[in-house]
């Protein structure tokens, strides 16, 4: 009879995500992932025979699911402004009110395999596209929606970097608050 895993899949992904979020792909060692998860290296390789790259791909796939949930109000809420506000709240929660690094950023630092970079790019594109679509539904002109969506994305991502560098998350809170205002006409 096989021993049950010492950490369930959801908790394992949380642990792996935290390491990749903090250290990026290239800066993460299998030992870091082992320590964070409480699993021996052999157990990690048993679950992820593709090693660190497979773990990173799985983490990004899970983040993609989470982004789907975060962005759902932008896409689905009949009251576009309310959907924007709810998505902004969810983004704030996902980034720990600005205290957590952006995994899309850290996972694309130097040394990251192209497949993982492409996966992160796809997630960023989906985020920008969802904001652009919401801005258009709110009444922004078609030629203006992409610029507005990119501006929101840049403000949030820039605020995360500023918070990490300066230790002050005020800019992140301001960016989250501005999300609906910047996307509305």
N, C-alpha and C. Protein backbone atom coordinates (compact mmCIF):
# COMPACT_ATOMS: atom_id res chain seq x y z
N UNK A 1 0.85 -1.17 0.00
CA UNK A 1 0.00 0.00 0.00
C UNK A 1 0.89 1.24 0.00
N UNK A 2 0.54 2.20 -0.88
CA UNK A 2 1.33 3.43 -0.99
C UNK A 2 1.06 4.35 0.19
N UNK A 3 2.12 4.99 0.65
CA UNK A 3 1.96 5.98 1.72
C UNK A 3 1.24 7.20 1.19
N UNK A 4 0.36 7.79 1.98
CA UNK A 4 -0.29 9.02 1.53
C UNK A 4 0.74 10.16 1.50
N UNK A 5 0.54 11.11 0.60
CA UNK A 5 1.50 12.22 0.55
C UNK A 5 1.47 13.00 1.86
N UNK A 6 2.64 13.54 2.23
CA UNK A 6 2.73 14.27 3.49
C UNK A 6 2.23 15.71 3.33
N UNK A 7 1.91 16.12 2.12
CA UNK A 7 1.35 17.44 1.86
C UNK A 7 0.39 17.28 0.68
N UNK A 8 -0.80 17.83 0.82
CA UNK A 8 -1.76 17.68 -0.29
C UNK A 8 -1.38 18.62 -1.43
N UNK A 9 -1.97 18.37 -2.59
CA UNK A 9 -1.59 19.09 -3.80
C UNK A 9 -1.80 20.61 -3.67
N UNK A 10 -2.91 21.02 -3.09
CA UNK A 10 -3.19 22.45 -2.95
C UNK A 10 -2.14 23.14 -2.08
N UNK A 11 -1.81 22.53 -0.94
CA UNK A 11 -0.79 23.11 -0.06
C UNK A 11 0.60 23.09 -0.71
N UNK A 12 0.86 22.04 -1.47
CA UNK A 12 2.14 21.96 -2.17
C UNK A 12 2.27 23.10 -3.18
N UNK A 13 1.22 23.35 -3.94
CA UNK A 13 1.27 24.43 -4.92
C UNK A 13 1.42 25.80 -4.25
N UNK A 14 0.80 25.97 -3.10
CA UNK A 14 0.96 27.23 -2.36
C UNK A 14 2.43 27.40 -1.96
N UNK A 15 3.04 26.33 -1.47
CA UNK A 15 4.44 26.39 -1.05
C UNK A 15 5.37 26.66 -2.24
N UNK A 16 5.14 25.95 -3.35
CA UNK A 16 5.98 26.14 -4.53
C UNK A 16 5.81 27.55 -5.10
N UNK A 17 4.57 28.03 -5.12
CA UNK A 17 4.30 29.38 -5.63
C UNK A 17 5.04 30.42 -4.81
N UNK A 18 5.02 30.28 -3.51
CA UNK A 18 5.70 31.25 -2.64
C UNK A 18 7.19 31.33 -2.97
N UNK A 19 7.81 30.19 -3.22
CA UNK A 19 9.25 30.19 -3.53
C UNK A 19 9.50 30.84 -4.89
N UNK A 20 8.75 30.40 -5.91
CA UNK A 20 8.95 30.98 -7.24
C UNK A 20 8.63 32.46 -7.25
N UNK A 21 7.63 32.86 -6.50
CA UNK A 21 7.23 34.28 -6.43
C UNK A 21 8.37 35.11 -5.84
N UNK A 22 9.06 34.58 -4.86
CA UNK A 22 10.11 35.31 -4.18
C UNK A 22 11.45 35.26 -4.93
N UNK A 23 11.78 34.09 -5.50
CA UNK A 23 13.12 33.89 -6.05
C UNK A 23 13.17 33.81 -7.56
N UNK A 24 12.02 33.70 -8.21
CA UNK A 24 12.00 33.52 -9.65
C UNK A 24 12.38 32.10 -10.03
N UNK A 25 12.35 31.82 -11.32
CA UNK A 25 12.69 30.47 -11.78
C UNK A 25 14.17 30.20 -11.59
N UNK A 26 15.00 31.07 -12.14
CA UNK A 26 16.44 30.83 -12.13
C UNK A 26 17.02 30.85 -10.71
N UNK A 27 16.47 31.68 -9.84
CA UNK A 27 16.99 31.80 -8.48
C UNK A 27 16.51 30.71 -7.53
N UNK A 28 15.58 29.90 -8.00
CA UNK A 28 15.03 28.84 -7.15
C UNK A 28 15.80 27.55 -7.35
N UNK A 29 16.22 26.97 -6.25
CA UNK A 29 16.89 25.66 -6.28
C UNK A 29 15.91 24.60 -5.80
N UNK A 30 16.13 23.38 -6.22
CA UNK A 30 15.27 22.28 -5.77
C UNK A 30 15.28 22.21 -4.25
N UNK A 31 16.40 22.51 -3.63
CA UNK A 31 16.48 22.52 -2.17
C UNK A 31 15.52 23.54 -1.56
N UNK A 32 15.36 24.69 -2.21
CA UNK A 32 14.40 25.69 -1.74
C UNK A 32 12.97 25.15 -1.78
N UNK A 33 12.65 24.47 -2.87
CA UNK A 33 11.32 23.91 -3.04
C UNK A 33 11.09 22.77 -2.05
N UNK A 34 12.12 21.99 -1.81
CA UNK A 34 12.04 20.90 -0.85
C UNK A 34 11.81 21.44 0.56
N UNK A 35 12.56 22.44 0.94
CA UNK A 35 12.42 23.05 2.26
C UNK A 35 11.03 23.65 2.44
N UNK A 36 10.58 24.39 1.45
CA UNK A 36 9.28 25.05 1.55
C UNK A 36 8.13 24.06 1.64
N UNK A 37 8.24 22.96 0.93
CA UNK A 37 7.15 21.98 0.89
C UNK A 37 7.23 20.95 2.01
N UNK A 38 8.42 20.80 2.58
CA UNK A 38 8.60 19.76 3.59
C UNK A 38 8.79 18.38 2.98
N UNK A 39 8.93 18.32 1.67
CA UNK A 39 9.13 17.04 0.97
C UNK A 39 10.60 16.85 0.63
N UNK A 40 11.02 15.63 0.63
CA UNK A 40 12.37 15.31 0.19
C UNK A 40 12.45 15.54 -1.32
N UNK A 41 13.64 15.75 -1.81
CA UNK A 41 13.82 15.97 -3.25
C UNK A 41 13.23 14.82 -4.06
N UNK A 42 13.45 13.61 -3.61
CA UNK A 42 12.94 12.44 -4.33
C UNK A 42 11.41 12.47 -4.41
N UNK A 43 10.77 12.93 -3.37
CA UNK A 43 9.31 13.03 -3.38
C UNK A 43 8.84 14.11 -4.37
N UNK A 44 9.57 15.21 -4.42
CA UNK A 44 9.24 16.25 -5.40
C UNK A 44 9.38 15.72 -6.82
N UNK A 45 10.48 15.01 -7.07
CA UNK A 45 10.70 14.46 -8.42
C UNK A 45 9.68 13.36 -8.73
N UNK A 46 9.21 12.66 -7.71
CA UNK A 46 8.17 11.65 -7.93
C UNK A 46 6.89 12.33 -8.40
N UNK A 47 6.54 13.44 -7.76
CA UNK A 47 5.32 14.18 -8.15
C UNK A 47 5.52 14.96 -9.44
N UNK A 48 6.73 15.45 -9.65
CA UNK A 48 7.03 16.27 -10.83
C UNK A 48 8.28 15.70 -11.51
N UNK A 49 8.11 14.64 -12.31
CA UNK A 49 9.27 14.02 -12.96
C UNK A 49 10.05 14.98 -13.86
N UNK A 50 9.37 16.03 -14.33
CA UNK A 50 10.04 17.03 -15.17
C UNK A 50 10.83 18.04 -14.36
N UNK A 51 10.92 17.83 -13.04
CA UNK A 51 11.74 18.68 -12.19
C UNK A 51 11.21 20.08 -12.01
N UNK A 52 12.14 20.99 -11.80
CA UNK A 52 11.80 22.39 -11.49
C UNK A 52 10.96 23.01 -12.60
N UNK A 53 11.25 22.69 -13.84
CA UNK A 53 10.49 23.27 -14.95
C UNK A 53 9.02 22.83 -14.89
N UNK A 54 8.79 21.57 -14.62
CA UNK A 54 7.40 21.09 -14.50
C UNK A 54 6.70 21.74 -13.30
N UNK A 55 7.43 21.91 -12.21
CA UNK A 55 6.85 22.58 -11.05
C UNK A 55 6.45 24.00 -11.41
N UNK A 56 7.33 24.72 -12.11
CA UNK A 56 7.04 26.10 -12.50
C UNK A 56 5.84 26.15 -13.44
N UNK A 57 5.77 25.24 -14.39
CA UNK A 57 4.64 25.19 -15.31
C UNK A 57 3.34 24.93 -14.55
N UNK A 58 3.39 24.05 -13.57
CA UNK A 58 2.20 23.73 -12.77
C UNK A 58 1.79 24.94 -11.94
N UNK A 59 2.76 25.63 -11.37
CA UNK A 59 2.47 26.84 -10.59
C UNK A 59 1.80 27.88 -11.49
N UNK A 60 2.33 28.11 -12.68
CA UNK A 60 1.74 29.10 -13.58
C UNK A 60 0.36 28.67 -14.05
N UNK A 61 0.16 27.38 -14.26
CA UNK A 61 -1.18 26.89 -14.63
C UNK A 61 -2.18 27.18 -13.52
N UNK A 62 -1.77 26.96 -12.28
CA UNK A 62 -2.64 27.25 -11.14
C UNK A 62 -2.90 28.75 -11.03
N UNK A 63 -1.89 29.56 -11.27
CA UNK A 63 -2.07 31.01 -11.25
C UNK A 63 -3.02 31.42 -12.37
N UNK A 64 -2.94 30.74 -13.51
CA UNK A 64 -3.87 31.00 -14.59
C UNK A 64 -5.31 30.76 -14.16
N UNK A 65 -5.54 29.67 -13.44
CA UNK A 65 -6.88 29.40 -12.90
C UNK A 65 -7.30 30.51 -11.94
N UNK A 66 -6.38 30.92 -11.08
CA UNK A 66 -6.68 31.98 -10.12
C UNK A 66 -6.98 33.29 -10.84
N UNK A 67 -6.18 33.61 -11.87
CA UNK A 67 -6.45 34.82 -12.66
C UNK A 67 -7.82 34.74 -13.31
N UNK A 68 -8.22 33.56 -13.75
CA UNK A 68 -9.56 33.40 -14.31
C UNK A 68 -10.61 33.85 -13.32
N UNK A 69 -10.44 33.43 -12.06
CA UNK A 69 -11.38 33.83 -11.01
C UNK A 69 -11.27 35.33 -10.72
N UNK A 70 -10.05 35.85 -10.67
CA UNK A 70 -9.84 37.27 -10.40
C UNK A 70 -10.50 38.13 -11.48
N UNK A 71 -10.36 37.72 -12.73
CA UNK A 71 -10.84 38.51 -13.85
C UNK A 71 -12.32 38.27 -14.19
N UNK A 72 -12.91 37.25 -13.61
CA UNK A 72 -14.30 36.91 -13.93
C UNK A 72 -15.26 38.09 -13.79
N UNK A 73 -15.20 38.88 -12.71
CA UNK A 73 -16.13 40.00 -12.62
C UNK A 73 -15.98 41.01 -13.76
N UNK A 74 -14.76 41.22 -14.25
CA UNK A 74 -14.56 42.12 -15.39
C UNK A 74 -15.32 41.63 -16.61
N UNK A 75 -15.34 40.32 -16.77
CA UNK A 75 -15.93 39.72 -17.96
C UNK A 75 -17.43 39.47 -17.82
N UNK A 76 -17.87 39.19 -16.60
CA UNK A 76 -19.21 38.66 -16.42
C UNK A 76 -20.21 39.59 -15.77
N UNK A 77 -19.75 40.53 -14.96
CA UNK A 77 -20.69 41.36 -14.21
C UNK A 77 -21.41 42.31 -15.17
N UNK A 78 -22.73 42.30 -15.11
CA UNK A 78 -23.51 43.21 -15.97
C UNK A 78 -23.23 44.66 -15.64
N UNK A 79 -22.98 44.95 -14.39
CA UNK A 79 -22.58 46.29 -13.96
C UNK A 79 -21.06 46.36 -14.09
N UNK A 80 -20.59 46.92 -15.20
CA UNK A 80 -19.16 46.91 -15.51
C UNK A 80 -18.34 47.57 -14.40
N UNK A 81 -18.82 48.69 -13.87
CA UNK A 81 -18.08 49.39 -12.81
C UNK A 81 -17.96 48.50 -11.57
N UNK A 82 -19.03 47.80 -11.24
CA UNK A 82 -18.99 46.89 -10.08
C UNK A 82 -18.03 45.74 -10.35
N UNK A 83 -18.03 45.22 -11.57
CA UNK A 83 -17.10 44.15 -11.93
C UNK A 83 -15.66 44.60 -11.85
N UNK A 84 -15.40 45.83 -12.27
CA UNK A 84 -14.04 46.39 -12.18
C UNK A 84 -13.61 46.52 -10.73
N UNK A 85 -14.52 47.00 -9.90
CA UNK A 85 -14.19 47.18 -8.48
C UNK A 85 -13.92 45.83 -7.81
N UNK A 86 -14.71 44.82 -8.15
CA UNK A 86 -14.50 43.50 -7.56
C UNK A 86 -13.19 42.88 -8.03
N UNK A 87 -12.90 43.03 -9.32
CA UNK A 87 -11.62 42.52 -9.82
C UNK A 87 -10.46 43.25 -9.14
N UNK A 88 -10.57 44.55 -8.96
CA UNK A 88 -9.53 45.30 -8.26
C UNK A 88 -9.33 44.76 -6.85
N UNK A 89 -10.42 44.48 -6.15
CA UNK A 89 -10.33 43.93 -4.80
C UNK A 89 -9.60 42.59 -4.82
N UNK A 90 -9.97 41.75 -5.78
CA UNK A 90 -9.35 40.42 -5.89
C UNK A 90 -7.86 40.52 -6.22
N UNK A 91 -7.49 41.46 -7.08
CA UNK A 91 -6.07 41.67 -7.40
C UNK A 91 -5.33 42.08 -6.12
N UNK A 92 -5.93 42.99 -5.36
CA UNK A 92 -5.32 43.42 -4.11
C UNK A 92 -5.10 42.26 -3.16
N UNK A 93 -6.08 41.39 -3.06
CA UNK A 93 -5.95 40.20 -2.20
C UNK A 93 -4.85 39.27 -2.72
N UNK A 94 -4.83 39.04 -4.04
CA UNK A 94 -3.85 38.12 -4.64
C UNK A 94 -2.42 38.59 -4.37
N UNK A 95 -2.22 39.89 -4.38
CA UNK A 95 -0.88 40.43 -4.15
C UNK A 95 -0.66 40.86 -2.71
N UNK A 96 -1.51 40.40 -1.80
CA UNK A 96 -1.31 40.70 -0.38
C UNK A 96 -1.23 42.18 -0.12
N UNK A 97 -2.14 42.95 -0.73
CA UNK A 97 -2.17 44.41 -0.59
C UNK A 97 -0.84 45.05 -1.03
N UNK A 98 -0.16 44.38 -1.96
CA UNK A 98 1.08 44.92 -2.50
C UNK A 98 2.34 44.37 -1.85
N UNK A 99 2.19 43.52 -0.85
CA UNK A 99 3.35 42.99 -0.14
C UNK A 99 4.00 41.80 -0.84
N UNK A 100 3.29 41.18 -1.79
CA UNK A 100 3.81 40.00 -2.47
C UNK A 100 4.34 40.37 -3.85
N UNK A 101 5.43 39.77 -4.23
CA UNK A 101 5.99 40.02 -5.56
C UNK A 101 5.08 39.42 -6.62
N UNK A 102 5.18 39.96 -7.82
CA UNK A 102 4.40 39.44 -8.94
C UNK A 102 5.13 38.22 -9.50
N UNK A 103 4.47 37.09 -9.47
CA UNK A 103 5.07 35.85 -9.96
C UNK A 103 5.30 35.92 -11.47
N UNK A 104 4.50 36.68 -12.20
CA UNK A 104 4.74 36.82 -13.64
C UNK A 104 6.06 37.55 -13.88
N UNK A 105 6.37 38.48 -13.01
CA UNK A 105 7.63 39.21 -13.10
C UNK A 105 8.80 38.32 -12.71
N UNK A 106 8.74 37.74 -11.55
CA UNK A 106 9.88 36.96 -11.06
C UNK A 106 10.11 35.69 -11.87
N UNK A 107 9.05 35.13 -12.44
CA UNK A 107 9.21 33.90 -13.22
C UNK A 107 9.78 34.16 -14.60
N UNK A 108 9.94 35.41 -14.99
CA UNK A 108 10.47 35.69 -16.32
C UNK A 108 11.84 36.37 -16.26
N UNK A 109 12.46 36.36 -15.10
CA UNK A 109 13.81 36.89 -14.99
C UNK A 109 14.77 36.00 -15.78
N UNK A 110 15.99 36.46 -16.00
CA UNK A 110 16.98 35.74 -16.79
C UNK A 110 17.11 34.28 -16.40
N UNK A 111 17.34 33.44 -17.39
CA UNK A 111 17.55 32.02 -17.16
C UNK A 111 16.27 31.20 -17.18
N UNK A 112 15.14 31.83 -17.35
CA UNK A 112 13.87 31.11 -17.38
C UNK A 112 13.67 30.49 -18.76
N UNK A 113 13.29 29.22 -18.82
CA UNK A 113 13.03 28.59 -20.12
C UNK A 113 11.92 29.32 -20.89
N UNK A 114 12.04 29.32 -22.21
CA UNK A 114 11.10 30.05 -23.06
C UNK A 114 9.66 29.59 -22.85
N UNK A 115 9.45 28.31 -22.63
CA UNK A 115 8.09 27.79 -22.44
C UNK A 115 7.42 28.45 -21.24
N UNK A 116 8.16 28.67 -20.18
CA UNK A 116 7.62 29.30 -18.97
C UNK A 116 7.41 30.79 -19.22
N UNK A 117 8.33 31.43 -19.94
CA UNK A 117 8.17 32.84 -20.30
C UNK A 117 6.89 33.02 -21.13
N UNK A 118 6.67 32.09 -22.07
CA UNK A 118 5.48 32.16 -22.91
C UNK A 118 4.21 31.99 -22.09
N UNK A 119 4.26 31.10 -21.12
CA UNK A 119 3.10 30.88 -20.23
C UNK A 119 2.80 32.15 -19.43
N UNK A 120 3.83 32.80 -18.91
CA UNK A 120 3.64 34.05 -18.16
C UNK A 120 3.12 35.15 -19.08
N UNK A 121 3.66 35.23 -20.28
CA UNK A 121 3.19 36.24 -21.25
C UNK A 121 1.71 36.03 -21.56
N UNK A 122 1.31 34.79 -21.70
CA UNK A 122 -0.09 34.48 -21.98
C UNK A 122 -1.00 34.96 -20.85
N UNK A 123 -0.56 34.78 -19.61
CA UNK A 123 -1.34 35.25 -18.46
C UNK A 123 -1.44 36.77 -18.44
N UNK A 124 -0.33 37.45 -18.71
CA UNK A 124 -0.35 38.91 -18.73
C UNK A 124 -1.25 39.41 -19.85
N UNK A 125 -1.19 38.78 -21.00
CA UNK A 125 -2.03 39.15 -22.13
C UNK A 125 -3.51 38.96 -21.80
N UNK A 126 -3.83 37.85 -21.15
CA UNK A 126 -5.23 37.60 -20.76
C UNK A 126 -5.73 38.68 -19.80
N UNK A 127 -4.87 39.10 -18.89
CA UNK A 127 -5.22 40.15 -17.93
C UNK A 127 -5.49 41.47 -18.65
N UNK A 128 -4.58 41.86 -19.53
CA UNK A 128 -4.73 43.11 -20.27
C UNK A 128 -5.96 43.04 -21.17
N UNK A 129 -6.15 41.91 -21.85
CA UNK A 129 -7.31 41.76 -22.73
C UNK A 129 -8.62 41.86 -21.96
N UNK A 130 -8.69 41.26 -20.79
CA UNK A 130 -9.92 41.32 -19.98
C UNK A 130 -10.21 42.76 -19.56
N UNK A 131 -9.17 43.50 -19.20
CA UNK A 131 -9.38 44.90 -18.82
C UNK A 131 -9.81 45.74 -20.03
N UNK A 132 -9.20 45.47 -21.19
CA UNK A 132 -9.57 46.21 -22.40
C UNK A 132 -11.02 45.92 -22.78
N UNK A 133 -11.41 44.67 -22.70
CA UNK A 133 -12.80 44.30 -23.02
C UNK A 133 -13.78 45.00 -22.07
N UNK A 134 -13.45 45.03 -20.79
CA UNK A 134 -14.31 45.69 -19.81
C UNK A 134 -14.37 47.19 -20.08
N UNK A 135 -13.24 47.79 -20.43
CA UNK A 135 -13.22 49.22 -20.74
C UNK A 135 -14.11 49.52 -21.95
N UNK A 136 -14.08 48.65 -22.93
CA UNK A 136 -14.91 48.84 -24.11
C UNK A 136 -16.39 48.67 -23.76
N UNK A 137 -16.71 47.67 -22.96
CA UNK A 137 -18.11 47.49 -22.53
C UNK A 137 -18.58 48.69 -21.71
N UNK A 138 -17.65 49.34 -21.02
CA UNK A 138 -18.00 50.51 -20.20
C UNK A 138 -18.21 51.75 -21.06
N UNK A 139 -17.80 51.70 -22.34
CA UNK A 139 -18.04 52.82 -23.22
C UNK A 139 -16.80 53.54 -23.73
N UNK A 140 -15.61 53.05 -23.39
CA UNK A 140 -14.40 53.67 -23.93
C UNK A 140 -14.34 53.38 -25.43
N UNK A 141 -13.71 54.27 -26.15
CA UNK A 141 -13.58 54.08 -27.60
C UNK A 141 -12.67 52.88 -27.89
N UNK A 142 -12.94 52.16 -28.97
CA UNK A 142 -12.13 50.98 -29.30
C UNK A 142 -10.64 51.29 -29.42
N UNK A 143 -10.31 52.49 -29.93
CA UNK A 143 -8.88 52.83 -30.08
C UNK A 143 -8.22 53.20 -28.75
N UNK A 144 -9.01 53.38 -27.71
CA UNK A 144 -8.49 53.81 -26.41
C UNK A 144 -8.41 52.68 -25.38
N UNK A 145 -9.11 51.58 -25.63
CA UNK A 145 -9.22 50.54 -24.59
C UNK A 145 -7.89 49.86 -24.29
N UNK A 146 -7.11 49.60 -25.31
CA UNK A 146 -5.82 48.91 -25.11
C UNK A 146 -4.87 49.78 -24.27
N UNK A 147 -4.82 51.08 -24.59
CA UNK A 147 -3.96 51.99 -23.83
C UNK A 147 -4.38 52.05 -22.37
N UNK A 148 -5.68 52.12 -22.12
CA UNK A 148 -6.17 52.18 -20.74
C UNK A 148 -5.83 50.89 -19.99
N UNK A 149 -6.03 49.75 -20.65
CA UNK A 149 -5.73 48.46 -20.00
C UNK A 149 -4.24 48.33 -19.69
N UNK A 150 -3.40 48.72 -20.64
CA UNK A 150 -1.95 48.66 -20.41
C UNK A 150 -1.53 49.61 -19.30
N UNK A 151 -2.16 50.77 -19.24
CA UNK A 151 -1.82 51.73 -18.18
C UNK A 151 -2.14 51.14 -16.81
N UNK A 152 -3.28 50.50 -16.67
CA UNK A 152 -3.63 49.88 -15.39
C UNK A 152 -2.63 48.78 -15.05
N UNK A 153 -2.33 47.94 -16.03
CA UNK A 153 -1.37 46.85 -15.82
C UNK A 153 -0.02 47.40 -15.38
N UNK A 154 0.45 48.42 -16.08
CA UNK A 154 1.75 49.02 -15.74
C UNK A 154 1.74 49.66 -14.36
N UNK A 155 0.66 50.32 -14.00
CA UNK A 155 0.57 50.93 -12.68
C UNK A 155 0.64 49.87 -11.58
N UNK A 156 -0.11 48.78 -11.76
CA UNK A 156 -0.13 47.73 -10.74
C UNK A 156 1.24 47.06 -10.65
N UNK A 157 1.79 46.68 -11.79
CA UNK A 157 3.09 46.00 -11.78
C UNK A 157 4.19 46.94 -11.26
N UNK A 158 4.17 48.18 -11.69
CA UNK A 158 5.15 49.16 -11.21
C UNK A 158 5.02 49.40 -9.72
N UNK A 159 3.79 49.43 -9.24
CA UNK A 159 3.56 49.63 -7.80
C UNK A 159 4.09 48.45 -6.99
N UNK A 160 3.99 47.24 -7.57
CA UNK A 160 4.55 46.07 -6.87
C UNK A 160 6.07 46.17 -6.77
N UNK A 161 6.71 46.61 -7.85
CA UNK A 161 8.17 46.79 -7.82
C UNK A 161 8.53 47.89 -6.83
N UNK A 162 7.83 49.01 -6.90
CA UNK A 162 8.11 50.11 -5.98
C UNK A 162 7.94 49.67 -4.53
N UNK A 163 6.90 48.93 -4.26
CA UNK A 163 6.68 48.43 -2.90
C UNK A 163 7.80 47.51 -2.44
N UNK A 164 8.27 46.64 -3.35
CA UNK A 164 9.36 45.73 -3.00
C UNK A 164 10.64 46.50 -2.73
N UNK A 165 10.93 47.51 -3.54
CA UNK A 165 12.15 48.28 -3.41
C UNK A 165 12.10 49.22 -2.21
N UNK A 166 10.98 49.91 -2.05
CA UNK A 166 10.87 50.96 -1.03
C UNK A 166 10.25 50.49 0.28
N UNK A 167 9.58 49.34 0.25
CA UNK A 167 8.92 48.86 1.46
C UNK A 167 7.64 49.62 1.79
N UNK A 168 7.14 50.36 0.83
CA UNK A 168 5.92 51.15 1.02
C UNK A 168 4.91 50.71 -0.04
N UNK A 169 3.75 50.24 0.40
CA UNK A 169 2.76 49.68 -0.52
C UNK A 169 1.62 50.66 -0.82
N UNK A 170 1.85 51.92 -0.52
CA UNK A 170 0.84 52.95 -0.78
C UNK A 170 0.52 53.05 -2.27
N UNK A 171 1.53 53.01 -3.12
CA UNK A 171 1.31 53.13 -4.56
C UNK A 171 0.47 51.96 -5.08
N UNK A 172 0.64 50.79 -4.49
CA UNK A 172 -0.17 49.65 -4.91
C UNK A 172 -1.63 49.89 -4.55
N UNK A 173 -1.87 50.33 -3.34
CA UNK A 173 -3.25 50.61 -2.91
C UNK A 173 -3.88 51.67 -3.80
N UNK A 174 -3.12 52.69 -4.15
CA UNK A 174 -3.62 53.74 -5.04
C UNK A 174 -3.93 53.18 -6.43
N UNK A 175 -3.06 52.29 -6.93
CA UNK A 175 -3.27 51.71 -8.25
C UNK A 175 -4.52 50.84 -8.28
N UNK A 176 -4.73 50.08 -7.23
CA UNK A 176 -5.93 49.24 -7.15
C UNK A 176 -7.17 50.12 -7.11
N UNK A 177 -7.11 51.19 -6.36
CA UNK A 177 -8.24 52.11 -6.26
C UNK A 177 -8.52 52.78 -7.61
N UNK A 178 -7.47 53.06 -8.37
CA UNK A 178 -7.62 53.73 -9.66
C UNK A 178 -8.09 52.80 -10.79
N UNK A 179 -7.97 51.49 -10.61
CA UNK A 179 -8.29 50.57 -11.70
C UNK A 179 -9.63 50.89 -12.35
N UNK A 180 -10.74 50.95 -11.60
CA UNK A 180 -12.01 51.25 -12.27
C UNK A 180 -12.03 52.63 -12.92
N UNK A 181 -11.43 53.61 -12.28
CA UNK A 181 -11.44 54.98 -12.81
C UNK A 181 -10.67 55.08 -14.12
N UNK A 182 -9.57 54.35 -14.22
CA UNK A 182 -8.76 54.40 -15.44
C UNK A 182 -9.40 53.63 -16.59
N UNK A 183 -10.19 52.63 -16.28
CA UNK A 183 -10.82 51.85 -17.33
C UNK A 183 -12.15 52.44 -17.80
N UNK A 184 -12.81 53.18 -16.94
CA UNK A 184 -14.09 53.80 -17.31
C UNK A 184 -13.84 54.98 -18.25
N UNK A 185 -14.83 55.31 -19.11
CA UNK A 185 -14.66 56.46 -20.01
C UNK A 185 -14.70 57.77 -19.24
